Amino acid sequence: MARPEPSMSLDSLAGSCYLPVQPGEAVIRKSHDDAFDGTDLGAILVEHRVGRLAVAGVMSEMCVAATARTALDRGYRVVLPHDAHATYDIPAGPGFARPVPAEVVARVAEWSLGDQIELTSTSDEVDFEHV
């Protein structure tokens, strides 16, 4: 898997974000921004007694943020590695003469989650212990 650099946009990652499924791992297929919405994710986390959750993915300001917010609302400790989410540039629009670069959009998405999340620079910094 190609690990995105903090300044990467989704366009530069096309087709490279794939994690092979390991035996016994659950695969969650979602159709909404929030990975908890309409999926078995919540039940799977409860079944495995998960207390701390790392959130990663695409569309930092939509899917990643929505899933992180629901996890926080459900009482999970949320870790958000900066290098494990990415998004697109936001194009110029009414009142904004210039596009907003993807790296700025991703950082704003992180900031919008407040001080309840654990933000790390890289996914290599994320450690979990099995209880």
N, C-alpha and C. Protein backbone atom coordinates (compact mmCIF):
# COMPACT_ATOMS: atom_id res chain seq x y z
N MET A 1 0.84 -1.18 0.00
CA MET A 1 0.00 0.00 0.00
C MET A 1 0.88 1.24 0.00
N ALA A 2 0.54 2.22 -0.79
CA ALA A 2 1.26 3.48 -0.77
C ALA A 2 0.77 4.31 0.40
N ARG A 3 1.68 4.76 1.23
CA ARG A 3 1.30 5.59 2.36
C ARG A 3 1.31 7.04 1.90
N PRO A 4 0.17 7.77 2.05
CA PRO A 4 0.13 9.15 1.59
C PRO A 4 1.01 10.05 2.43
N GLU A 5 1.68 10.95 1.78
CA GLU A 5 2.40 12.00 2.48
C GLU A 5 1.36 13.01 2.95
N PRO A 6 1.63 13.77 4.02
CA PRO A 6 0.65 14.71 4.53
C PRO A 6 0.12 15.68 3.47
N SER A 7 0.90 15.99 2.45
CA SER A 7 0.44 16.94 1.45
C SER A 7 -0.17 16.27 0.23
N MET A 8 -0.30 14.93 0.23
CA MET A 8 -0.85 14.23 -0.93
C MET A 8 -2.34 14.46 -1.06
N SER A 9 -2.81 14.47 -2.29
CA SER A 9 -4.24 14.49 -2.54
C SER A 9 -4.65 13.12 -3.05
N LEU A 10 -5.94 12.89 -3.12
CA LEU A 10 -6.42 11.60 -3.60
C LEU A 10 -6.02 11.34 -5.03
N ASP A 11 -5.93 12.39 -5.84
CA ASP A 11 -5.56 12.21 -7.25
C ASP A 11 -4.21 11.50 -7.39
N SER A 12 -3.29 11.77 -6.47
CA SER A 12 -1.97 11.16 -6.56
C SER A 12 -1.95 9.74 -6.00
N LEU A 13 -3.05 9.30 -5.37
CA LEU A 13 -3.11 7.98 -4.78
C LEU A 13 -3.95 7.00 -5.58
N ALA A 14 -4.49 7.42 -6.69
CA ALA A 14 -5.47 6.63 -7.43
C ALA A 14 -5.09 5.16 -7.52
N GLY A 15 -5.93 4.32 -6.94
CA GLY A 15 -5.75 2.88 -7.02
C GLY A 15 -4.71 2.28 -6.11
N SER A 16 -4.03 3.07 -5.28
CA SER A 16 -2.94 2.51 -4.50
C SER A 16 -3.29 2.25 -3.04
N CYS A 17 -4.46 2.63 -2.60
CA CYS A 17 -4.84 2.45 -1.20
C CYS A 17 -5.61 1.15 -1.05
N TYR A 18 -4.88 0.09 -0.85
CA TYR A 18 -5.49 -1.22 -0.70
C TYR A 18 -4.79 -1.95 0.42
N LEU A 19 -5.59 -2.47 1.33
CA LEU A 19 -5.04 -3.29 2.40
C LEU A 19 -5.58 -4.70 2.22
N PRO A 20 -4.71 -5.68 2.08
CA PRO A 20 -5.21 -7.05 1.94
C PRO A 20 -5.89 -7.49 3.24
N VAL A 21 -6.97 -8.23 3.10
CA VAL A 21 -7.72 -8.73 4.25
C VAL A 21 -7.00 -9.95 4.81
N GLN A 22 -6.79 -9.91 6.09
CA GLN A 22 -6.14 -11.03 6.79
C GLN A 22 -7.20 -12.04 7.23
N PRO A 23 -6.85 -13.30 7.36
CA PRO A 23 -7.81 -14.31 7.82
C PRO A 23 -8.45 -13.88 9.15
N GLY A 24 -9.77 -13.99 9.20
CA GLY A 24 -10.51 -13.63 10.41
C GLY A 24 -10.88 -12.17 10.53
N GLU A 25 -10.39 -11.32 9.63
CA GLU A 25 -10.73 -9.90 9.68
C GLU A 25 -12.08 -9.64 9.03
N ALA A 26 -12.83 -8.73 9.61
CA ALA A 26 -14.11 -8.33 9.05
C ALA A 26 -13.88 -7.27 7.98
N VAL A 27 -14.71 -7.28 6.95
CA VAL A 27 -14.68 -6.25 5.92
C VAL A 27 -16.00 -5.49 6.02
N ILE A 28 -15.91 -4.18 6.17
CA ILE A 28 -17.09 -3.33 6.27
C ILE A 28 -17.27 -2.60 4.94
N ARG A 29 -18.39 -2.84 4.29
CA ARG A 29 -18.72 -2.11 3.07
C ARG A 29 -19.80 -1.10 3.43
N LYS A 30 -19.53 0.15 3.16
CA LYS A 30 -20.45 1.20 3.58
C LYS A 30 -21.01 1.95 2.39
N SER A 31 -22.19 2.54 2.59
CA SER A 31 -22.81 3.33 1.53
C SER A 31 -23.11 4.76 2.01
N HIS A 32 -22.67 5.09 3.21
CA HIS A 32 -22.86 6.42 3.78
C HIS A 32 -21.51 6.95 4.25
N ASP A 33 -21.44 8.25 4.50
CA ASP A 33 -20.18 8.83 4.99
C ASP A 33 -19.70 8.16 6.27
N ASP A 34 -20.61 7.98 7.21
CA ASP A 34 -20.30 7.42 8.52
C ASP A 34 -20.24 5.90 8.43
N ALA A 35 -19.10 5.31 8.73
CA ALA A 35 -18.93 3.86 8.63
C ALA A 35 -19.80 3.09 9.63
N PHE A 36 -20.35 3.77 10.64
CA PHE A 36 -21.26 3.11 11.58
C PHE A 36 -22.68 3.03 11.02
N ASP A 37 -23.02 3.93 10.10
CA ASP A 37 -24.38 4.06 9.59
C ASP A 37 -24.71 2.93 8.60
N GLY A 38 -25.63 2.06 8.99
CA GLY A 38 -26.09 1.00 8.11
C GLY A 38 -25.13 -0.17 7.97
N THR A 39 -24.16 -0.29 8.89
CA THR A 39 -23.19 -1.40 8.84
C THR A 39 -23.17 -2.12 10.19
N ASP A 40 -22.41 -3.19 10.24
CA ASP A 40 -22.22 -3.94 11.48
C ASP A 40 -21.00 -3.47 12.27
N LEU A 41 -20.41 -2.34 11.89
CA LEU A 41 -19.18 -1.89 12.54
C LEU A 41 -19.35 -1.78 14.05
N GLY A 42 -20.41 -1.13 14.51
CA GLY A 42 -20.62 -0.97 15.95
C GLY A 42 -20.68 -2.30 16.67
N ALA A 43 -21.44 -3.24 16.12
CA ALA A 43 -21.57 -4.57 16.73
C ALA A 43 -20.24 -5.32 16.75
N ILE A 44 -19.48 -5.19 15.68
CA ILE A 44 -18.18 -5.86 15.61
C ILE A 44 -17.23 -5.29 16.67
N LEU A 45 -17.24 -3.99 16.84
CA LEU A 45 -16.36 -3.37 17.84
C LEU A 45 -16.76 -3.79 19.25
N VAL A 46 -18.07 -3.85 19.51
CA VAL A 46 -18.53 -4.29 20.82
C VAL A 46 -18.16 -5.75 21.05
N GLU A 47 -18.39 -6.58 20.04
CA GLU A 47 -18.07 -8.02 20.16
C GLU A 47 -16.60 -8.25 20.51
N HIS A 48 -15.73 -7.42 19.94
CA HIS A 48 -14.29 -7.58 20.18
C HIS A 48 -13.77 -6.69 21.31
N ARG A 49 -14.70 -6.07 22.03
CA ARG A 49 -14.38 -5.23 23.19
C ARG A 49 -13.34 -4.15 22.86
N VAL A 50 -13.53 -3.49 21.74
CA VAL A 50 -12.63 -2.41 21.30
C VAL A 50 -12.94 -1.16 22.11
N GLY A 51 -11.91 -0.50 22.58
CA GLY A 51 -12.07 0.75 23.32
C GLY A 51 -11.40 1.93 22.64
N ARG A 52 -10.44 1.62 21.78
CA ARG A 52 -9.66 2.66 21.10
C ARG A 52 -9.65 2.32 19.62
N LEU A 53 -9.96 3.29 18.79
CA LEU A 53 -10.17 3.06 17.37
C LEU A 53 -9.35 4.03 16.55
N ALA A 54 -8.56 3.52 15.61
CA ALA A 54 -7.83 4.37 14.66
C ALA A 54 -8.72 4.54 13.43
N VAL A 55 -8.91 5.76 13.02
CA VAL A 55 -9.74 6.04 11.85
C VAL A 55 -8.83 6.50 10.72
N ALA A 56 -9.04 5.91 9.55
CA ALA A 56 -8.25 6.24 8.37
C ALA A 56 -9.16 6.16 7.16
N GLY A 57 -8.79 6.79 6.07
CA GLY A 57 -9.60 6.67 4.87
C GLY A 57 -9.49 7.86 3.96
N VAL A 58 -10.45 7.91 3.07
CA VAL A 58 -10.48 9.00 2.09
C VAL A 58 -11.63 9.94 2.40
N MET A 59 -11.52 11.11 1.88
CA MET A 59 -12.45 12.22 2.12
C MET A 59 -12.42 12.61 3.60
N SER A 60 -11.29 13.17 4.00
CA SER A 60 -11.05 13.57 5.39
C SER A 60 -12.21 14.34 5.99
N GLU A 61 -12.74 15.28 5.24
CA GLU A 61 -13.77 16.18 5.75
C GLU A 61 -15.16 15.57 5.74
N MET A 62 -15.31 14.41 5.14
CA MET A 62 -16.62 13.76 5.07
C MET A 62 -16.59 12.42 5.79
N CYS A 63 -16.14 11.37 5.14
CA CYS A 63 -16.19 10.01 5.69
C CYS A 63 -15.35 9.86 6.95
N VAL A 64 -14.13 10.33 6.91
CA VAL A 64 -13.24 10.18 8.06
C VAL A 64 -13.79 10.95 9.25
N ALA A 65 -14.18 12.20 9.04
CA ALA A 65 -14.69 13.02 10.14
C ALA A 65 -16.02 12.47 10.67
N ALA A 66 -16.91 12.03 9.79
CA ALA A 66 -18.21 11.50 10.23
C ALA A 66 -18.02 10.25 11.08
N THR A 67 -17.15 9.36 10.65
CA THR A 67 -16.91 8.13 11.40
C THR A 67 -16.24 8.44 12.74
N ALA A 68 -15.29 9.35 12.74
CA ALA A 68 -14.61 9.72 13.99
C ALA A 68 -15.59 10.34 14.97
N ARG A 69 -16.49 11.19 14.50
CA ARG A 69 -17.47 11.82 15.39
C ARG A 69 -18.39 10.78 16.03
N THR A 70 -18.88 9.85 15.23
CA THR A 70 -19.75 8.81 15.78
C THR A 70 -19.00 7.95 16.78
N ALA A 71 -17.76 7.61 16.47
CA ALA A 71 -16.95 6.82 17.41
C ALA A 71 -16.81 7.57 18.73
N LEU A 72 -16.53 8.87 18.68
CA LEU A 72 -16.42 9.67 19.90
C LEU A 72 -17.75 9.67 20.65
N ASP A 73 -18.85 9.86 19.92
CA ASP A 73 -20.18 9.88 20.54
C ASP A 73 -20.51 8.55 21.23
N ARG A 74 -19.95 7.47 20.71
CA ARG A 74 -20.20 6.14 21.29
C ARG A 74 -19.20 5.79 22.39
N GLY A 75 -18.33 6.73 22.72
CA GLY A 75 -17.42 6.53 23.84
C GLY A 75 -16.08 5.92 23.50
N TYR A 76 -15.77 5.77 22.22
CA TYR A 76 -14.47 5.23 21.84
C TYR A 76 -13.40 6.32 21.94
N ARG A 77 -12.20 5.91 22.27
CA ARG A 77 -11.04 6.80 22.15
C ARG A 77 -10.62 6.72 20.69
N VAL A 78 -10.48 7.85 20.05
CA VAL A 78 -10.22 7.90 18.61
C VAL A 78 -8.82 8.41 18.33
N VAL A 79 -8.09 7.65 17.51
CA VAL A 79 -6.77 8.04 17.04
C VAL A 79 -6.90 8.37 15.56
N LEU A 80 -6.34 9.50 15.16
CA LEU A 80 -6.38 9.91 13.77
C LEU A 80 -4.95 10.18 13.29
N PRO A 81 -4.35 9.21 12.60
CA PRO A 81 -3.00 9.43 12.06
C PRO A 81 -3.08 10.38 10.86
N HIS A 82 -2.27 11.42 10.89
CA HIS A 82 -2.30 12.43 9.82
C HIS A 82 -1.99 11.83 8.45
N ASP A 83 -1.13 10.84 8.40
CA ASP A 83 -0.75 10.27 7.11
C ASP A 83 -1.71 9.17 6.63
N ALA A 84 -2.80 8.95 7.35
CA ALA A 84 -3.70 7.85 7.01
C ALA A 84 -5.06 8.33 6.50
N HIS A 85 -5.14 9.59 6.11
CA HIS A 85 -6.36 10.08 5.46
C HIS A 85 -5.97 11.13 4.43
N ALA A 86 -6.82 11.26 3.43
CA ALA A 86 -6.53 12.19 2.34
C ALA A 86 -7.84 12.68 1.74
N THR A 87 -7.76 13.69 0.90
CA THR A 87 -8.95 14.24 0.26
C THR A 87 -8.56 14.95 -1.02
N TYR A 88 -9.51 15.62 -1.61
CA TYR A 88 -9.29 16.38 -2.84
C TYR A 88 -9.18 17.87 -2.54
N ASP A 89 -8.62 18.63 -3.48
CA ASP A 89 -8.69 20.08 -3.41
C ASP A 89 -10.15 20.49 -3.49
N ILE A 90 -10.52 21.56 -2.79
CA ILE A 90 -11.86 22.12 -2.93
C ILE A 90 -11.76 23.21 -3.98
N PRO A 91 -12.57 23.14 -5.05
CA PRO A 91 -12.46 24.14 -6.11
C PRO A 91 -12.94 25.52 -5.64
N ALA A 92 -12.48 26.54 -6.35
CA ALA A 92 -12.94 27.89 -6.08
C ALA A 92 -14.46 27.93 -6.25
N GLY A 93 -15.09 28.82 -5.54
CA GLY A 93 -16.54 28.95 -5.62
C GLY A 93 -16.96 30.35 -5.22
N PRO A 94 -18.26 30.57 -5.10
CA PRO A 94 -18.74 31.90 -4.72
C PRO A 94 -18.10 32.36 -3.42
N GLY A 95 -17.46 33.52 -3.46
CA GLY A 95 -16.81 34.07 -2.29
C GLY A 95 -15.39 33.56 -2.07
N PHE A 96 -14.96 32.60 -2.89
CA PHE A 96 -13.61 32.05 -2.77
C PHE A 96 -12.98 32.04 -4.16
N ALA A 97 -12.03 32.93 -4.39
CA ALA A 97 -11.43 33.06 -5.71
C ALA A 97 -10.46 31.94 -6.04
N ARG A 98 -9.89 31.31 -5.02
CA ARG A 98 -8.89 30.26 -5.26
C ARG A 98 -9.35 28.94 -4.65
N PRO A 99 -8.88 27.84 -5.21
CA PRO A 99 -9.19 26.54 -4.60
C PRO A 99 -8.47 26.39 -3.25
N VAL A 100 -9.00 25.50 -2.43
CA VAL A 100 -8.37 25.19 -1.14
C VAL A 100 -7.60 23.88 -1.33
N PRO A 101 -6.28 23.89 -1.12
CA PRO A 101 -5.48 22.68 -1.33
C PRO A 101 -5.90 21.54 -0.41
N ALA A 102 -5.78 20.32 -0.92
CA ALA A 102 -6.18 19.12 -0.18
C ALA A 102 -5.52 19.03 1.19
N GLU A 103 -4.25 19.39 1.29
CA GLU A 103 -3.58 19.28 2.59
C GLU A 103 -4.18 20.23 3.62
N VAL A 104 -4.70 21.37 3.17
CA VAL A 104 -5.37 22.31 4.08
C VAL A 104 -6.73 21.75 4.48
N VAL A 105 -7.45 21.19 3.53
CA VAL A 105 -8.76 20.59 3.81
C VAL A 105 -8.61 19.46 4.84
N ALA A 106 -7.61 18.62 4.66
CA ALA A 106 -7.38 17.51 5.59
C ALA A 106 -7.06 18.02 6.99
N ARG A 107 -6.25 19.06 7.07
CA ARG A 107 -5.88 19.61 8.38
C ARG A 107 -7.08 20.25 9.06
N VAL A 108 -7.92 20.94 8.30
CA VAL A 108 -9.14 21.53 8.86
C VAL A 108 -10.07 20.43 9.38
N ALA A 109 -10.15 19.32 8.64
CA ALA A 109 -10.98 18.20 9.10
C ALA A 109 -10.48 17.68 10.44
N GLU A 110 -9.17 17.57 10.60
CA GLU A 110 -8.60 17.14 11.88
C GLU A 110 -8.97 18.13 12.98
N TRP A 111 -8.78 19.39 12.70
CA TRP A 111 -9.03 20.44 13.68
C TRP A 111 -10.50 20.47 14.10
N SER A 112 -11.40 20.18 13.15
CA SER A 112 -12.83 20.24 13.44
C SER A 112 -13.27 19.18 14.44
N LEU A 113 -12.46 18.17 14.65
CA LEU A 113 -12.81 17.12 15.61
C LEU A 113 -12.47 17.49 17.05
N GLY A 114 -11.86 18.64 17.23
CA GLY A 114 -11.60 19.13 18.58
C GLY A 114 -10.48 18.40 19.29
N ASP A 115 -10.45 18.57 20.59
CA ASP A 115 -9.34 18.02 21.37
C ASP A 115 -9.66 16.64 21.95
N GLN A 116 -10.76 16.03 21.53
CA GLN A 116 -11.10 14.70 22.03
C GLN A 116 -10.33 13.60 21.31
N ILE A 117 -9.80 13.88 20.12
CA ILE A 117 -9.09 12.86 19.37
C ILE A 117 -7.60 12.88 19.71
N GLU A 118 -6.97 11.76 19.47
CA GLU A 118 -5.51 11.66 19.57
C GLU A 118 -4.99 11.77 18.14
N LEU A 119 -4.30 12.84 17.84
CA LEU A 119 -3.76 13.06 16.51
C LEU A 119 -2.29 12.67 16.51
N THR A 120 -1.92 11.80 15.57
CA THR A 120 -0.51 11.41 15.43
C THR A 120 -0.03 11.83 14.05
N SER A 121 1.26 12.03 13.91
CA SER A 121 1.82 12.41 12.61
C SER A 121 1.75 11.26 11.61
N THR A 122 2.07 10.06 12.10
CA THR A 122 2.10 8.91 11.21
C THR A 122 1.36 7.73 11.82
N SER A 123 0.93 6.82 10.96
CA SER A 123 0.26 5.61 11.44
C SER A 123 1.26 4.70 12.16
N ASP A 124 2.54 4.84 11.89
CA ASP A 124 3.55 4.05 12.59
C ASP A 124 3.58 4.36 14.09
N GLU A 125 3.08 5.52 14.48
CA GLU A 125 3.07 5.92 15.88
C GLU A 125 1.91 5.31 16.66
N VAL A 126 0.99 4.67 15.97
CA VAL A 126 -0.21 4.12 16.62
C VAL A 126 0.08 2.72 17.14
N ASP A 127 -0.05 2.55 18.43
CA ASP A 127 0.12 1.24 19.07
C ASP A 127 -1.16 0.86 19.77
N PHE A 128 -1.49 -0.43 19.70
CA PHE A 128 -2.64 -0.97 20.41
C PHE A 128 -2.19 -2.15 21.21
N GLU A 129 -2.85 -2.37 22.31
CA GLU A 129 -2.55 -3.55 23.10
C GLU A 129 -3.81 -4.40 23.17
N HIS A 130 -3.63 -5.67 23.13
CA HIS A 130 -4.73 -6.62 23.20
C HIS A 130 -4.99 -6.91 24.67
N VAL A 131 -6.26 -6.77 25.07
CA VAL A 131 -6.61 -7.05 26.47
C VAL A 131 -7.46 -8.29 26.56
